[in-house]
Each structure stands twice: as C-alpha cells, then as structure tokens.
PDB file of N, CA and C in Angstrom:
ATOM      1  N   MET A   1     151.791 -96.065-129.037  1.00  0.00           N
ATOM      2  CA  MET A   1     152.647 -97.190-128.376  1.00  0.00           C
ATOM      3  C   MET A   1     154.066 -96.590-128.503  1.00  0.00           C
ATOM      4  N   ALA A   2     154.552 -96.681-127.322  1.00  0.00           N
ATOM      5  CA  ALA A   2     156.281 -96.201-127.332  1.00  0.00           C
ATOM      6  C   ALA A   2     157.002 -97.431-127.693  1.00  0.00           C
ATOM      7  N   ALA A   3     158.256 -97.141-128.317  1.00  0.00           N
ATOM      8  CA  ALA A   3     159.246 -98.130-128.598  1.00  0.00           C
ATOM      9  C   ALA A   3     160.459 -97.635-128.030  1.00  0.00           C
ATOM     10  N   VAL A   4     161.174 -98.727-127.247  1.00  0.00           N
ATOM     11  CA  VAL A   4     162.422 -98.152-126.676  1.00  0.00           C
ATOM     12  C   VAL A   4     163.642 -98.875-127.415  1.00  0.00           C
ATOM     13  N   LEU A   5     164.596 -98.227-127.698  1.00  0.00           N
ATOM     14  CA  LEU A   5     165.484 -99.096-128.607  1.00  0.00           C
ATOM     15  C   LEU A   5     166.861 -98.968-127.857  1.00  0.00           C
ATOM     16  N   THR A   6     167.712-100.020-127.319  1.00  0.00           N
ATOM     17  CA  THR A   6     168.566 -99.594-126.627  1.00  0.00           C
ATOM     18  C   THR A   6     169.788-100.399-127.472  1.00  0.00           C
ATOM     19  N   THR A   7     171.147 -99.784-127.704  1.00  0.00           N
ATOM     20  CA  THR A   7     172.128-100.079-128.386  1.00  0.00           C
ATOM     21  C   THR A   7     173.450-100.017-127.620  1.00  0.00           C
ATOM     22  N   THR A   8     174.183-100.839-127.617  1.00  0.00           N
ATOM     23  CA  THR A   8     175.542-101.055-127.162  1.00  0.00           C
ATOM     24  C   THR A   8     176.592-100.336-128.264  1.00  0.00           C
ATOM     25  N   THR A   9     177.255 -99.539-127.636  1.00  0.00           N
ATOM     26  CA  THR A   9     178.393 -98.921-128.555  1.00  0.00           C
ATOM     27  C   THR A   9     179.499 -99.188-127.854  1.00  0.00           C
ATOM     28  N   PRO A  10     180.655 -99.833-128.607  1.00  0.00           N
ATOM     29  CA  PRO A  10     181.815-100.562-128.043  1.00  0.00           C
ATOM     30  C   PRO A  10     182.569 -99.027-127.462  1.00  0.00           C
ATOM     31  N   ARG A  11     183.498 -99.306-126.369  1.00  0.00           N
ATOM     32  CA  ARG A  11     184.157 -98.524-125.689  1.00  0.00           C
ATOM     33  C   ARG A  11     185.473 -98.485-125.899  1.00  0.00           C
ATOM     34  N   PRO A  12     186.187 -97.493-125.877  1.00  0.00           N
ATOM     35  CA  PRO A  12     187.498 -97.768-126.444  1.00  0.00           C
ATOM     36  C   PRO A  12     188.067 -98.006-125.359  1.00  0.00           C
ATOM     37  N   THR A  13     189.399 -98.920-125.344  1.00  0.00           N
ATOM     38  CA  THR A  13     190.203 -99.457-124.305  1.00  0.00           C
ATOM     39  C   THR A  13     191.475 -99.034-124.640  1.00  0.00           C
ATOM     40  N   GLY A  14     192.464 -98.804-123.630  1.00  0.00           N
ATOM     41  CA  GLY A  14     194.075 -98.912-124.074  1.00  0.00           C
ATOM     42  C   GLY A  14     194.568 -97.629-123.154  1.00  0.00           C
ATOM     43  N   ALA A  15     195.164 -97.024-123.718  1.00  0.00           N
ATOM     44  CA  ALA A  15     195.776 -95.889-122.776  1.00  0.00           C
ATOM     45  C   ALA A  15     194.962 -94.753-122.700  1.00  0.00           C
ATOM     46  N   GLY A  16     194.576 -94.481-121.077  1.00  0.00           N
ATOM     47  CA  GLY A  16     193.999 -93.600-120.965  1.00  0.00           C
ATOM     48  C   GLY A  16     192.455 -93.861-120.538  1.00  0.00           C
ATOM     49  N   PHE A  17     191.758 -94.980-121.208  1.00  0.00           N
ATOM     50  CA  PHE A  17     190.678 -95.341-121.159  1.00  0.00           C
ATOM     51  C   PHE A  17     190.516 -96.709-120.413  1.00  0.00           C
ATOM     52  N   THR A  18     189.293 -96.567-119.679  1.00  0.00           N
ATOM     53  CA  THR A  18     188.925 -97.715-118.873  1.00  0.00           C
ATOM     54  C   THR A  18     187.422 -98.067-119.101  1.00  0.00           C
ATOM     55  N   ALA A  19     187.516 -99.485-119.060  1.00  0.00           N
ATOM     56  CA  ALA A  19     186.216 -99.953-119.710  1.00  0.00           C
ATOM     57  C   ALA A  19     185.055-100.161-118.398  1.00  0.00           C
ATOM     58  N   ARG A  20     184.169 -99.138-118.632  1.00  0.00           N
ATOM     59  CA  ARG A  20     183.398 -99.190-117.497  1.00  0.00           C
ATOM     60  C   ARG A  20     182.051 -98.481-117.892  1.00  0.00           C
ATOM     61  N   PRO A  21     180.751 -98.835-117.610  1.00  0.00           N
ATOM     62  CA  PRO A  21     179.395 -98.386-117.976  1.00  0.00           C
ATOM     63  C   PRO A  21     179.105 -97.230-117.610  1.00  0.00           C
ATOM     64  N   CYS A  22     178.387 -96.486-118.480  1.00  0.00           N
ATOM     65  CA  CYS A  22     178.085 -95.368-118.322  1.00  0.00           C
ATOM     66  C   CYS A  22     176.782 -94.915-117.498  1.00  0.00           C
ATOM     67  N   ARG A  23     176.882 -94.002-116.683  1.00  0.00           N
ATOM     68  CA  ARG A  23     175.813 -93.999-115.582  1.00  0.00           C
ATOM     69  C   ARG A  23     174.984 -93.246-116.005  1.00  0.00           C
ATOM     70  N   HIS A  24     174.916 -92.479-117.056  1.00  0.00           N
ATOM     71  CA  HIS A  24     173.660 -91.729-117.660  1.00  0.00           C
ATOM     72  C   HIS A  24     172.611 -92.442-117.669  1.00  0.00           C
ATOM     73  N   VAL A  25     171.397 -91.901-117.059  1.00  0.00           N
ATOM     74  CA  VAL A  25     170.215 -92.673-117.364  1.00  0.00           C
ATOM     75  C   VAL A  25     169.249 -91.833-117.986  1.00  0.00           C
ATOM     76  N   HIS A  26     168.762 -92.205-119.037  1.00  0.00           N
ATOM     77  CA  HIS A  26     168.048 -91.060-120.003  1.00  0.00           C
ATOM     78  C   HIS A  26     168.643 -89.623-120.196  1.00  0.00           C
ATOM     79  N   GLY A  27     169.950 -89.753-120.308  1.00  0.00           N
ATOM     80  CA  GLY A  27     170.511 -88.699-120.458  1.00  0.00           C
ATOM     81  C   GLY A  27     170.914 -87.279-119.484  1.00  0.00           C
ATOM     82  N   VAL A  28     170.407 -87.947-118.439  1.00  0.00           N
ATOM     83  CA  VAL A  28     170.605 -87.140-116.830  1.00  0.00           C
ATOM     84  C   VAL A  28     171.885 -87.435-116.289  1.00  0.00           C
ATOM     85  N   SER A  29     172.891 -86.828-116.187  1.00  0.00           N
ATOM     86  CA  SER A  29     173.932 -86.862-115.417  1.00  0.00           C
ATOM     87  C   SER A  29     174.238 -87.178-114.004  1.00  0.00           C
ATOM     88  N   PRO A  30     174.873 -87.727-113.283  1.00  0.00           N
ATOM     89  CA  PRO A  30     174.839 -88.335-111.667  1.00  0.00           C
ATOM     90  C   PRO A  30     174.459 -87.013-110.996  1.00  0.00           C
ATOM     91  N   ALA A  31     175.500 -85.584-111.402  1.00  0.00           N
ATOM     92  CA  ALA A  31     175.039 -84.454-110.574  1.00  0.00           C
ATOM     93  C   ALA A  31     173.640 -84.006-110.728  1.00  0.00           C
ATOM     94  N   THR A  32     173.305 -83.910-111.993  1.00  0.00           N
ATOM     95  CA  THR A  32     171.966 -83.551-112.188  1.00  0.00           C
ATOM     96  C   THR A  32     170.663 -84.355-111.316  1.00  0.00           C
ATOM     97  N   PHE A  33     171.118 -85.722-111.232  1.00  0.00           N
ATOM     98  CA  PHE A  33     170.341 -86.531-110.462  1.00  0.00           C
ATOM     99  C   PHE A  33     170.438 -86.269-109.047  1.00  0.00           C
ATOM    100  N   ARG A  34     171.439 -85.991-108.481  1.00  0.00           N
ATOM    101  CA  ARG A  34     171.626 -85.602-107.233  1.00  0.00           C
ATOM    102  C   ARG A  34     170.965 -84.361-106.697  1.00  0.00           C
ATOM    103  N   ARG A  35     170.932 -83.471-107.628  1.00  0.00           N
ATOM    104  CA  ARG A  35     170.578 -82.105-107.363  1.00  0.00           C
ATOM    105  C   ARG A  35     168.703 -82.400-107.481  1.00  0.00           C
ATOM    106  N   ARG A  36     168.594 -83.183-108.270  1.00  0.00           N
ATOM    107  CA  ARG A  36     166.802 -83.224-108.288  1.00  0.00           C
ATOM    108  C   ARG A  36     166.439 -84.194-106.976  1.00  0.00           C
ATOM    109  N   ARG A  37     167.236 -84.887-106.890  1.00  0.00           N
ATOM    110  CA  ARG A  37     166.959 -85.766-105.383  1.00  0.00           C
ATOM    111  C   ARG A  37     166.894 -84.861-104.187  1.00  0.00           C
ATOM    112  N   LEU A  38     167.763 -83.814-104.050  1.00  0.00           N
ATOM    113  CA  LEU A  38     168.094 -82.790-102.950  1.00  0.00           C
ATOM    114  C   LEU A  38     166.974 -81.868-103.076  1.00  0.00           C
ATOM    115  N   ALA A  39     166.244 -81.498-104.207  1.00  0.00           N
ATOM    116  CA  ALA A  39     165.259 -80.385-104.554  1.00  0.00           C
ATOM    117  C   ALA A  39     164.154 -81.338-103.761  1.00  0.00           C
ATOM    118  N   ALA A  40     163.928 -82.340-104.340  1.00  0.00           N
ATOM    119  CA  ALA A  40     162.882 -83.208-103.798  1.00  0.00           C
ATOM    120  C   ALA A  40     162.349 -83.137-102.365  1.00  0.00           C
ATOM    121  N   LEU A  41     163.744 -83.340-101.985  1.00  0.00           N
ATOM    122  CA  LEU A  41     163.979 -84.006-100.365  1.00  0.00           C
ATOM    123  C   LEU A  41     163.279 -82.610 -99.689  1.00  0.00           C
ATOM    124  N   LEU A  42     164.019 -81.399 -99.904  1.00  0.00           N
ATOM    125  CA  LEU A  42     163.751 -80.058 -99.940  1.00  0.00           C
ATOM    126  C   LEU A  42     162.204 -79.599 -99.660  1.00  0.00           C
ATOM    127  N   ILE A  43     161.796 -79.756-100.737  1.00  0.00           N
ATOM    128  CA  ILE A  43     160.309 -79.661-101.181  1.00  0.00           C
ATOM    129  C   ILE A  43     159.538 -80.388-100.222  1.00  0.00           C
ATOM    130  N   GLY A  44     159.843 -81.515-100.211  1.00  0.00           N
ATOM    131  CA  GLY A  44     158.976 -82.385 -99.193  1.00  0.00           C
ATOM    132  C   GLY A  44     158.965 -82.092 -97.599  1.00  0.00           C
ATOM    133  N   GLY A  45     160.210 -81.634 -97.368  1.00  0.00           N
ATOM    134  CA  GLY A  45     160.487 -81.057 -96.017  1.00  0.00           C
ATOM    135  C   GLY A  45     159.580 -79.988 -95.388  1.00  0.00           C
ATOM    136  N   VAL A  46     159.762 -79.091 -96.773  1.00  0.00           N
ATOM    137  CA  VAL A  46     159.016 -77.633 -96.744  1.00  0.00           C
ATOM    138  C   VAL A  46     157.453 -77.963 -96.631  1.00  0.00           C
ATOM    139  N   VAL A  47     157.049 -78.873 -97.145  1.00  0.00           N
ATOM    140  CA  VAL A  47     155.594 -79.364 -97.358  1.00  0.00           C
ATOM    141  C   VAL A  47     154.936 -80.054 -95.869  1.00  0.00           C
ATOM    142  N   VAL A  48     155.889 -80.773 -95.394  1.00  0.00           N
ATOM    143  CA  VAL A  48     155.517 -81.338 -94.113  1.00  0.00           C
ATOM    144  C   VAL A  48     155.542 -80.268 -92.897  1.00  0.00           C
ATOM    145  N   LEU A  49     156.697 -79.538 -92.845  1.00  0.00           N
ATOM    146  CA  LEU A  49     156.499 -78.246 -92.156  1.00  0.00           C
ATOM    147  C   LEU A  49     155.356 -77.353 -92.163  1.00  0.00           C
ATOM    148  N   ALA A  50     154.897 -77.087 -93.514  1.00  0.00           N
ATOM    149  CA  ALA A  50     153.858 -75.961 -93.638  1.00  0.00           C
ATOM    150  C   ALA A  50     152.844 -76.865 -93.279  1.00  0.00           C
ATOM    151  N   ALA A  51     152.485 -78.000 -93.380  1.00  0.00           N
ATOM    152  CA  ALA A  51     151.374 -78.938 -92.787  1.00  0.00           C
ATOM    153  C   ALA A  51     151.280 -78.795 -91.403  1.00  0.00           C
ATOM    154  N   GLY A  52     152.395 -78.995 -90.633  1.00  0.00           N
ATOM    155  CA  GLY A  52     152.226 -79.255 -89.239  1.00  0.00           C
ATOM    156  C   GLY A  52     152.016 -77.672 -88.669  1.00  0.00           C
ATOM    157  N   ARG A  53     152.515 -76.394 -89.562  1.00  0.00           N
ATOM    158  CA  ARG A  53     152.094 -75.127 -88.817  1.00  0.00           C
ATOM    159  C   ARG A  53     150.674 -74.699 -89.128  1.00  0.00           C
ATOM    160  N   ALA A  54     150.089 -75.083 -90.298  1.00  0.00           N
ATOM    161  CA  ALA A  54     148.763 -75.005 -90.720  1.00  0.00           C
ATOM    162  C   ALA A  54     147.918 -76.093 -89.654  1.00  0.00           C
ATOM    163  N   GLY A  55     148.064 -77.093 -89.117  1.00  0.00           N
ATOM    164  CA  GLY A  55     147.461 -77.814 -88.284  1.00  0.00           C
ATOM    165  C   GLY A  55     147.448 -76.787 -86.883  1.00  0.00           C
ATOM    166  N   ALA A  56     148.728 -76.656 -86.435  1.00  0.00           N
ATOM    167  CA  ALA A  56     148.640 -75.501 -85.312  1.00  0.00           C
ATOM    168  C   ALA A  56     148.202 -74.674 -85.232  1.00  0.00           C
ATOM    169  N   ALA A  57     148.003 -74.092 -86.482  1.00  0.00           N
ATOM    170  CA  ALA A  57     147.304 -72.660 -86.539  1.00  0.00           C
ATOM    171  C   ALA A  57     145.914 -72.856 -86.456  1.00  0.00           C
ATOM    172  N   LEU A  58     145.315 -73.851 -87.012  1.00  0.00           N
ATOM    173  CA  LEU A  58     143.765 -74.068 -86.747  1.00  0.00           C
ATOM    174  C   LEU A  58     143.616 -74.835 -85.491  1.00  0.00           C
ATOM    175  N   GLY A  59     144.489 -74.664 -84.510  1.00  0.00           N
ATOM    176  CA  GLY A  59     144.141 -75.229 -83.104  1.00  0.00           C
ATOM    177  C   GLY A  59     144.178 -76.853 -82.902  1.00  0.00           C
ATOM    178  N   SER A  60     144.405 -77.511 -83.930  1.00  0.00           N
ATOM    179  CA  SER A  60     144.506 -79.200 -83.745  1.00  0.00           C
ATOM    180  C   SER A  60     146.075 -79.179 -83.418  1.00  0.00           C
ATOM    181  N   SER A  61     145.867 -80.502 -82.441  1.00  0.00           N
ATOM    182  CA  SER A  61     147.288 -80.747 -82.180  1.00  0.00           C
ATOM    183  C   SER A  61     146.891 -82.534 -81.688  1.00  0.00           C
ATOM    184  N   PRO A  62     147.418 -83.479 -82.808  1.00  0.00           N
ATOM    185  CA  PRO A  62     147.141 -84.682 -82.747  1.00  0.00           C
ATOM    186  C   PRO A  62     147.859 -85.510 -81.473  1.00  0.00           C
ATOM    187  N   LEU A  63     148.543 -84.570 -80.813  1.00  0.00           N
ATOM    188  CA  LEU A  63     149.220 -85.381 -79.543  1.00  0.00           C
ATOM    189  C   LEU A  63     148.469 -84.790 -78.288  1.00  0.00           C
ATOM    190  N   ALA A  64     147.713 -83.974 -78.537  1.00  0.00           N
ATOM    191  CA  ALA A  64     147.135 -83.372 -77.210  1.00  0.00           C
ATOM    192  C   ALA A  64     145.842 -83.818 -77.134  1.00  0.00           C
ATOM    193  N   ALA A  65     145.547 -84.316 -75.737  1.00  0.00           N
ATOM    194  CA  ALA A  65     144.398 -84.911 -75.070  1.00  0.00           C
ATOM    195  C   ALA A  65     143.418 -83.724 -75.362  1.00  0.00           C
ATOM    196  N   SER A  66     142.145 -84.091 -75.562  1.00  0.00           N
ATOM    197  CA  SER A  66     141.087 -83.041 -75.578  1.00  0.00           C
ATOM    198  C   SER A  66     140.599 -82.598 -74.110  1.00  0.00           C
ATOM    199  N   GLU A  67     140.721 -81.672 -73.711  1.00  0.00           N
ATOM    200  CA  GLU A  67     140.364 -81.243 -72.615  1.00  0.00           C
ATOM    201  C   GLU A  67     138.847 -81.096 -72.376  1.00  0.00           C
ATOM    202  N   ARG A  68     138.097 -81.631 -71.479  1.00  0.00           N
ATOM    203  CA  ARG A  68     136.585 -81.542 -71.178  1.00  0.00           C
ATOM    204  C   ARG A  68     136.512 -80.618 -69.848  1.00  0.00           C
ATOM    205  N   ARG A  69     135.463 -79.660 -69.731  1.00  0.00           N
ATOM    206  CA  ARG A  69     135.437 -78.950 -68.763  1.00  0.00           C
ATOM    207  C   ARG A  69     134.576 -80.096 -68.009  1.00  0.00           C
ATOM    208  N   PRO A  70     134.709 -80.266 -66.502  1.00  0.00           N
ATOM    209  CA  PRO A  70     133.942 -81.126 -65.574  1.00  0.00           C
ATOM    210  C   PRO A  70     132.420 -80.459 -65.623  1.00  0.00           C
ATOM    211  N   SER A  71     131.619 -81.649 -65.556  1.00  0.00           N
ATOM    212  CA  SER A  71     130.096 -81.166 -65.724  1.00  0.00           C
ATOM    213  C   SER A  71     129.506 -80.752 -64.288  1.00  0.00           C
ATOM    214  N   VAL A  72     128.864 -79.774 -64.225  1.00  0.00           N
ATOM    215  CA  VAL A  72     128.357 -79.327 -62.846  1.00  0.00           C
ATOM    216  C   VAL A  72     126.896 -79.862 -62.870  1.00  0.00           C
ATOM    217  N   VAL A  73     126.446 -80.170 -61.744  1.00  0.00           N
ATOM    218  CA  VAL A  73     124.709 -80.429 -61.928  1.00  0.00           C
ATOM    219  C   VAL A  73     124.481 -79.471 -60.808  1.00  0.00           C
ATOM    220  N   HIS A  74     123.222 -78.635 -60.795  1.00  0.00           N
ATOM    221  CA  HIS A  74     122.550 -77.908 -59.889  1.00  0.00           C
ATOM    222  C   HIS A  74     121.223 -78.447 -59.563  1.00  0.00           C
ATOM    223  N   TYR A  75     120.906 -78.942 -58.302  1.00  0.00           N
ATOM    224  CA  TYR A  75     119.675 -79.378 -58.020  1.00  0.00           C
ATOM    225  C   TYR A  75     119.174 -78.627 -56.848  1.00  0.00           C
ATOM    226  N   VAL A  76     117.967 -78.173 -56.976  1.00  0.00           N
ATOM    227  CA  VAL A  76     117.074 -77.753 -56.013  1.00  0.00           C
ATOM    228  C   VAL A  76     116.023 -78.516 -55.300  1.00  0.00           C
ATOM    229  N   VAL A  77     116.252 -78.471 -53.725  1.00  0.00           N
ATOM    230  CA  VAL A  77     115.832 -79.546 -53.011  1.00  0.00           C
ATOM    231  C   VAL A  77     114.432 -79.120 -52.828  1.00  0.00           C
ATOM    232  N   ARG A  78     113.622 -80.385 -53.077  1.00  0.00           N
ATOM    233  CA  ARG A  78     112.063 -80.125 -52.969  1.00  0.00           C
ATOM    234  C   ARG A  78     111.663 -80.817 -51.756  1.00  0.00           C
ATOM    235  N   PRO A  79     110.317 -80.455 -51.408  1.00  0.00           N
ATOM    236  CA  PRO A  79     109.961 -80.909 -50.162  1.00  0.00           C
ATOM    237  C   PRO A  79     109.656 -82.444 -49.918  1.00  0.00           C
ATOM    238  N   GLY A  80     110.189 -83.332 -49.014  1.00  0.00           N
ATOM    239  CA  GLY A  80     110.236 -84.762 -49.299  1.00  0.00           C
ATOM    240  C   GLY A  80     111.207 -85.290 -49.533  1.00  0.00           C
ATOM    241  N   ASP A  81     112.118 -84.681 -50.169  1.00  0.00           N
ATOM    242  CA  ASP A  81     113.576 -85.060 -50.970  1.00  0.00           C
ATOM    243  C   ASP A  81     114.428 -85.673 -49.736  1.00  0.00           C
ATOM    244  N   SER A  82     114.936 -86.859 -49.947  1.00  0.00           N
ATOM    245  CA  SER A  82     115.769 -86.980 -48.917  1.00  0.00           C
ATOM    246  C   SER A  82     117.318 -87.294 -49.591  1.00  0.00           C
ATOM    247  N   LEU A  83     118.665 -87.641 -49.014  1.00  0.00           N
ATOM    248  CA  LEU A  83     119.669 -87.809 -49.515  1.00  0.00           C
ATOM    249  C   LEU A  83     119.735 -88.746 -50.704  1.00  0.00           C
ATOM    250  N   TRP A  84     118.996 -89.602 -50.347  1.00  0.00           N
ATOM    251  CA  TRP A  84     119.044 -90.693 -51.557  1.00  0.00           C
ATOM    252  C   TRP A  84     118.318 -90.459 -52.963  1.00  0.00           C
ATOM    253  N   THR A  85     117.198 -89.375 -52.957  1.00  0.00           N
ATOM    254  CA  THR A  85     116.621 -89.062 -53.977  1.00  0.00           C
ATOM    255  C   THR A  85     117.641 -88.097 -54.510  1.00  0.00           C
ATOM    256  N   VAL A  86     118.118 -87.299 -53.934  1.00  0.00           N
ATOM    257  CA  VAL A  86     119.041 -86.282 -54.414  1.00  0.00           C
ATOM    258  C   VAL A  86     119.987 -86.878 -55.004  1.00  0.00           C
ATOM    259  N   ALA A  87     121.079 -87.903 -54.284  1.00  0.00           N
ATOM    260  CA  ALA A  87     121.931 -88.522 -54.986  1.00  0.00           C
ATOM    261  C   ALA A  87     121.694 -89.191 -56.434  1.00  0.00           C
ATOM    262  N   HIS A  88     120.308 -90.049 -56.695  1.00  0.00           N
ATOM    263  CA  HIS A  88     120.001 -90.449 -57.900  1.00  0.00           C
ATOM    264  C   HIS A  88     119.799 -89.091 -58.860  1.00  0.00           C
ATOM    265  N   HIS A  89     119.339 -87.974 -58.421  1.00  0.00           N
ATOM    266  CA  HIS A  89     119.080 -86.878 -59.391  1.00  0.00           C
ATOM    267  C   HIS A  89     120.518 -86.307 -59.853  1.00  0.00           C
ATOM    268  N   VAL A  90     121.467 -85.967 -59.046  1.00  0.00           N
ATOM    269  CA  VAL A  90     122.838 -85.301 -59.025  1.00  0.00           C
ATOM    270  C   VAL A  90     123.795 -86.255 -59.890  1.00  0.00           C
ATOM    271  N   ALA A  91     123.674 -87.333 -59.639  1.00  0.00           N
ATOM    272  CA  ALA A  91     124.620 -88.540 -60.385  1.00  0.00           C
ATOM    273  C   ALA A  91     123.900 -90.068 -60.501  1.00  0.00           C
ATOM    274  N   PRO A  92     123.132 -90.155 -61.450  1.00  0.00           N
ATOM    275  CA  PRO A  92     122.285 -90.873 -61.860  1.00  0.00           C
ATOM    276  C   PRO A  92     123.243 -92.370 -62.240  1.00  0.00           C
ATOM    277  N   SER A  93     124.357 -92.069 -62.753  1.00  0.00           N
ATOM    278  CA  SER A  93     125.158 -93.482 -63.120  1.00  0.00           C
ATOM    279  C   SER A  93     126.069 -93.855 -62.028  1.00  0.00           C
ATOM    280  N   THR A  94     126.155 -93.384 -61.051  1.00  0.00           N
ATOM    281  CA  THR A  94     127.322 -93.862 -59.827  1.00  0.00           C
ATOM    282  C   THR A  94     126.658 -94.357 -58.621  1.00  0.00           C
ATOM    283  N   ASP A  95     127.402 -95.355 -57.890  1.00  0.00           N
ATOM    284  CA  ASP A  95     126.790 -95.842 -56.711  1.00  0.00           C
ATOM    285  C   ASP A  95     126.251 -94.285 -55.708  1.00  0.00           C
ATOM    286  N   PRO A  96     124.967 -94.653 -55.499  1.00  0.00           N
ATOM    287  CA  PRO A  96     124.715 -93.569 -54.601  1.00  0.00           C
ATOM    288  C   PRO A  96     124.994 -93.480 -53.208  1.00  0.00           C
ATOM    289  N   ARG A  97     125.499 -94.564 -52.709  1.00  0.00           N
ATOM    290  CA  ARG A  97     126.087 -94.576 -51.357  1.00  0.00           C
ATOM    291  C   ARG A  97     127.079 -93.710 -51.290  1.00  0.00           C
ATOM    292  N   GLU A  98     128.349 -93.608 -52.138  1.00  0.00           N
ATOM    293  CA  GLU A  98     129.356 -92.691 -52.137  1.00  0.00           C
ATOM    294  C   GLU A  98     128.859 -91.146 -52.589  1.00  0.00           C
ATOM    295  N   VAL A  99     127.721 -90.963 -53.021  1.00  0.00           N
ATOM    296  CA  VAL A  99     127.288 -89.583 -53.197  1.00  0.00           C
ATOM    297  C   VAL A  99     126.642 -89.227 -52.150  1.00  0.00           C
ATOM    298  N   ILE A 100     125.918 -90.034 -51.262  1.00  0.00           N
ATOM    299  CA  ILE A 100     125.147 -90.032 -50.270  1.00  0.00           C
ATOM    300  C   ILE A 100     126.260 -89.320 -49.064  1.00  0.00           C
ATOM    301  N   ASP A 101     127.261 -90.319 -49.044  1.00  0.00           N
ATOM    302  CA  ASP A 101     128.320 -89.599 -47.926  1.00  0.00           C
ATOM    303  C   ASP A 101     128.738 -88.191 -48.359  1.00  0.00           C
ATOM    304  N   GLU A 102     129.418 -88.118 -49.597  1.00  0.00           N
ATOM    305  CA  GLU A 102     129.738 -86.912 -49.667  1.00  0.00           C
ATOM    306  C   GLU A 102     128.832 -85.463 -49.590  1.00  0.00           C
ATOM    307  N   LEU A 103     127.572 -85.739 -49.806  1.00  0.00           N
ATOM    308  CA  LEU A 103     126.389 -84.961 -49.650  1.00  0.00           C
ATOM    309  C   LEU A 103     126.005 -84.579 -48.171  1.00  0.00           C
ATOM    310  N   GLY A 104     126.202 -85.721 -47.491  1.00  0.00           N
ATOM    311  CA  GLY A 104     126.519 -85.669 -45.971  1.00  0.00           C
ATOM    312  C   GLY A 104     127.459 -84.487 -45.478  1.00  0.00           C
ATOM    313  N   HIS A 105     128.209 -84.992 -45.854  1.00  0.00           N
ATOM    314  CA  HIS A 105     129.745 -84.049 -45.217  1.00  0.00           C
ATOM    315  C   HIS A 105     129.409 -82.651 -45.504  1.00  0.00           C
ATOM    316  N   VAL A 106     128.904 -82.475 -46.878  1.00  0.00           N
ATOM    317  CA  VAL A 106     129.051 -80.954 -47.218  1.00  0.00           C
ATOM    318  C   VAL A 106     127.339 -80.375 -47.093  1.00  0.00           C
ATOM    319  N   TYR A 107     126.612 -81.004 -46.817  1.00  0.00           N
ATOM    320  CA  TYR A 107     124.997 -80.020 -46.510  1.00  0.00           C
ATOM    321  C   TYR A 107     124.660 -80.768 -45.262  1.00  0.00           C
ATOM    322  N   GLY A 108     125.169 -81.655 -44.600  1.00  0.00           N
ATOM    323  CA  GLY A 108     124.562 -82.167 -43.113  1.00  0.00           C
ATOM    324  C   GLY A 108     123.601 -82.944 -43.553  1.00  0.00           C
ATOM    325  N   ASP A 109     122.842 -83.725 -42.396  1.00  0.00           N
ATOM    326  CA  ASP A 109     121.828 -84.776 -42.708  1.00  0.00           C
ATOM    327  C   ASP A 109     120.513 -84.309 -43.038  1.00  0.00           C
ATOM    328  N   GLN A 110     120.243 -83.156 -42.650  1.00  0.00           N
ATOM    329  CA  GLN A 110     118.918 -82.522 -43.161  1.00  0.00           C
ATOM    330  C   GLN A 110     119.164 -81.601 -44.314  1.00  0.00           C
ATOM    331  N   LEU A 111     118.112 -81.786 -45.045  1.00  0.00           N
ATOM    332  CA  LEU A 111     117.956 -80.913 -46.229  1.00  0.00           C
ATOM    333  C   LEU A 111     116.750 -79.825 -46.268  1.00  0.00           C
ATOM    334  N   ILE A 112     116.830 -78.867 -46.701  1.00  0.00           N
ATOM    335  CA  ILE A 112     116.272 -77.639 -46.601  1.00  0.00           C
ATOM    336  C   ILE A 112     115.569 -77.273 -47.777  1.00  0.00           C
ATOM    337  N   PRO A 113     114.123 -77.587 -47.738  1.00  0.00           N
ATOM    338  CA  PRO A 113     113.647 -77.333 -49.421  1.00  0.00           C
ATOM    339  C   PRO A 113     113.930 -75.946 -49.959  1.00  0.00           C
ATOM    340  N   GLY A 114     114.186 -75.801 -51.073  1.00  0.00           N
ATOM    341  CA  GLY A 114     114.774 -74.803 -52.086  1.00  0.00           C
ATOM    342  C   GLY A 114     116.037 -74.373 -51.819  1.00  0.00           C
ATOM    343  N   GLU A 115     116.734 -75.121 -51.087  1.00  0.00           N
ATOM    344  CA  GLU A 115     118.313 -75.251 -51.059  1.00  0.00           C
ATOM    345  C   GLU A 115     118.763 -75.807 -52.237  1.00  0.00           C
ATOM    346  N   GLU A 116     120.070 -74.995 -52.981  1.00  0.00           N
ATOM    347  CA  GLU A 116     120.151 -75.363 -54.076  1.00  0.00           C
ATOM    348  C   GLU A 116     121.635 -76.290 -53.867  1.00  0.00           C
ATOM    349  N   ILE A 117     121.480 -77.451 -54.418  1.00  0.00           N
ATOM    350  CA  ILE A 117     122.866 -78.448 -54.214  1.00  0.00           C
ATOM    351  C   ILE A 117     123.644 -78.244 -55.359  1.00  0.00           C
ATOM    352  N   THR A 118     125.102 -78.118 -55.383  1.00  0.00           N
ATOM    353  CA  THR A 118     125.597 -78.076 -56.515  1.00  0.00           C
ATOM    354  C   THR A 118     126.734 -79.574 -56.621  1.00  0.00           C
ATOM    355  N   TRP A 119     126.665 -80.260 -57.355  1.00  0.00           N
ATOM    356  CA  TRP A 119     127.326 -81.423 -57.491  1.00  0.00           C
ATOM    357  C   TRP A 119     128.318 -81.465 -58.927  1.00  0.00           C
ATOM    358  N   GLN A 120     129.816 -81.934 -58.464  1.00  0.00           N
ATOM    359  CA  GLN A 120     130.371 -82.033 -59.548  1.00  0.00           C
ATOM    360  C   GLN A 120     131.040 -83.258 -59.727  1.00  0.00           C
ATOM    361  N   PRO A 121     130.941 -84.093 -60.642  1.00  0.00           N
ATOM    362  CA  PRO A 121     131.316 -85.418 -60.301  1.00  0.00           C
ATOM    363  C   PRO A 121     132.854 -85.781 -60.653  1.00  0.00           C
TER     364      PRO A 121
END
C-alpha cells in the first residue's frame, strides 16, 4: 500500500513575489506536460493513419458497398416446355408474368427444344 503525503509550504510574499499556487503536478513542469500531450496526440494520429492504410491495403473499405456480380441463369429448353415452365425455372422467386413477357420479346412465342435461354435477373 502506498501513502501520499501532501504538505503546504508558505510562499514568500512581498517585493517581487506573488502568491500563486504551484502548477507542477508530480514534479512535471507545464512545458513538459504540453510536450507529452503533443507527443501522445501525434502518436495517436500516426496509429489512426496506419490503421487506415492497412485496411485499404487489405482491400477493405468500410464505406464502399459490396459489389455483387449479377447472376446469370442458363436453361436448355426441353420438349414440351412452355414460356410458363421456363419462367419458373429461370426466375422462381419473381412474378412469372413479367418473365414471360421478357422471354416472349427476346425468344418469340415458340420455343425450340435444345435452345439455350440465358436469363439475367
């Protein structure tokens, strides 16, 4: 256990002396305190910049949105397939009527067995 002892010493007053409290804390002068604080700020800034550059070097950027490549679906038409069944195969989670309209514009109303249909949602 450590004990801390504080004492007050009378300060001389009179000609050339003013009564003001001593600003030294634990034996450190104000100039040394300012230099240490400035050094700590500089070191902190360097650490932040280094971390930012390291993140950029690794290819990560917290502000950039992840870029996904659009998925492309390839389907080979089988005998007996209709635009409706092809629409269910190439885009099962969307409204088939919209897909049928698009397929009709691109491939026509008649599907040929063996024809490859490429669909990009």
